Amino acid sequence: MSDAVPEPSQQVEVDPGHDPAAPAPLNVPRTPTGDAEVDARLERLGDADHLATDGHMEVYEDVHRGLRDALTALDARPGPPAPSPSYDQRAPSPSYGTRS
């Protein structure tokens, strides 16, 4: 038994113009949500495709901040009016709530 590693029979050609460390788009599909503000924030994620990984954090934080602001704005909008009180506002009978 030999400990020698066999030589590869074929050499793999490497494209000299290809840089595996260069930014490359992920091509992750983004489905529109129907909310223009949210959709614009999600499109911003595509900016990270053209940046080195050390630039991704800035894009992700910006998108996160924008989405958080959009959710906060939903909480600030007035909701539906409160239900009106019952028309019968009679006081309870005197024996109600008392024990004998």
Protein backbone atom coordinates (compact mmCIF):
# COMPACT_ATOMS: atom_id res chain seq x y z
CA MET A 1 0.00 0.00 0.00
CA SER A 2 1.36 3.37 -0.95
CA ASP A 3 0.80 6.70 0.86
CA ALA A 4 1.44 8.66 -2.34
CA VAL A 5 -1.41 10.78 -3.67
CA PRO A 6 -2.06 10.11 -7.33
CA GLU A 7 -1.55 13.03 -9.69
CA PRO A 8 -4.74 14.36 -11.27
CA SER A 9 -5.01 13.22 -14.85
CA GLN A 10 -6.64 16.47 -16.02
CA GLN A 11 -5.79 20.06 -15.26
CA VAL A 12 -8.79 22.32 -14.57
CA GLU A 13 -8.65 25.54 -16.57
CA VAL A 14 -9.36 28.61 -14.47
CA ASP A 15 -10.71 31.71 -16.17
CA PRO A 16 -8.14 34.43 -15.37
CA GLY A 17 -10.90 37.09 -15.43
CA HIS A 18 -13.01 35.29 -12.81
CA ASP A 19 -12.49 36.42 -9.24
CA PRO A 20 -14.36 34.14 -6.80
CA ALA A 21 -14.06 36.78 -4.07
CA ALA A 22 -15.73 39.45 -6.24
CA PRO A 23 -19.30 40.51 -5.44
CA ALA A 24 -21.89 38.40 -7.24
CA PRO A 25 -25.65 38.83 -7.30
CA LEU A 26 -27.58 36.26 -5.30
CA ASN A 27 -30.56 36.58 -7.65
CA VAL A 28 -33.02 36.00 -4.83
CA PRO A 29 -36.51 36.75 -6.15
CA ARG A 30 -38.38 39.47 -4.31
CA THR A 31 -42.17 39.20 -4.51
CA PRO A 32 -43.98 42.55 -4.35
CA THR A 33 -46.01 43.03 -1.19
CA GLY A 34 -48.38 45.65 -2.56
CA ASP A 35 -47.09 48.31 -0.18
CA ALA A 36 -44.93 50.76 -2.13
CA GLU A 37 -42.77 51.73 0.87
CA VAL A 38 -42.07 48.12 1.86
CA ASP A 39 -41.41 47.10 -1.76
CA ALA A 40 -38.89 49.94 -2.14
CA ARG A 41 -37.07 48.76 1.00
CA LEU A 42 -36.95 45.18 -0.24
CA GLU A 43 -35.59 46.32 -3.63
CA ARG A 44 -32.81 48.09 -1.71
CA LEU A 45 -31.56 44.62 -0.70
CA GLY A 46 -30.42 44.24 -4.31
CA ASP A 47 -27.79 46.93 -3.67
CA ALA A 48 -25.87 44.39 -1.58
CA ASP A 49 -25.38 42.26 -4.71
CA HIS A 50 -22.79 44.73 -6.01
CA LEU A 51 -20.89 45.22 -2.76
CA ALA A 52 -18.19 43.25 -1.05
CA THR A 53 -19.45 41.43 2.04
CA ASP A 54 -18.10 44.13 4.36
CA GLY A 55 -20.59 46.55 2.73
CA HIS A 56 -23.65 44.32 3.23
CA MET A 57 -24.20 45.30 6.85
CA GLU A 58 -24.90 48.93 5.96
CA VAL A 59 -27.53 47.90 3.40
CA TYR A 60 -29.16 45.38 5.74
CA GLU A 61 -29.30 47.87 8.61
CA ASP A 62 -30.82 50.52 6.33
CA VAL A 63 -33.48 48.09 5.09
CA HIS A 64 -34.21 46.89 8.63
CA ARG A 65 -34.55 50.47 9.87
CA GLY A 66 -36.94 51.32 7.02
CA LEU A 67 -39.11 48.25 7.57
CA ARG A 68 -39.22 48.92 11.32
CA ASP A 69 -40.30 52.52 10.63
CA ALA A 70 -43.03 51.28 8.28
CA LEU A 71 -44.35 48.95 11.00
CA THR A 72 -44.19 51.70 13.60
CA ALA A 73 -46.19 53.97 11.28
CA LEU A 74 -48.92 51.31 11.16
CA ASP A 75 -49.19 51.46 14.95
CA ALA A 76 -49.47 55.25 14.85
CA ARG A 77 -52.45 55.27 12.47
CA PRO A 78 -55.82 55.66 14.14
CA GLY A 79 -57.75 52.44 14.26
CA PRO A 80 -61.47 51.95 13.89
CA PRO A 81 -63.63 53.85 16.34
CA ALA A 82 -64.39 52.19 19.65
CA PRO A 83 -67.83 50.61 19.90
CA SER A 84 -70.44 52.96 21.28
CA PRO A 85 -71.65 52.21 24.78
CA SER A 86 -74.91 50.37 25.22
CA TYR A 87 -77.97 52.61 25.07
CA ASP A 88 -79.28 51.06 28.31
CA GLN A 89 -77.18 52.68 31.05
CA ARG A 90 -79.48 51.80 33.97
CA ALA A 91 -77.95 51.30 37.36
CA PRO A 92 -77.91 47.73 38.64
CA SER A 93 -80.64 46.76 41.06
CA PRO A 94 -79.88 47.47 44.73
CA SER A 95 -79.57 43.77 45.55
CA TYR A 96 -77.00 43.23 42.83
CA GLY A 97 -73.57 42.64 44.30
CA THR A 98 -74.64 42.59 47.94
CA ARG A 99 -74.68 39.50 50.11
CA SER A 100 -77.23 38.63 52.67
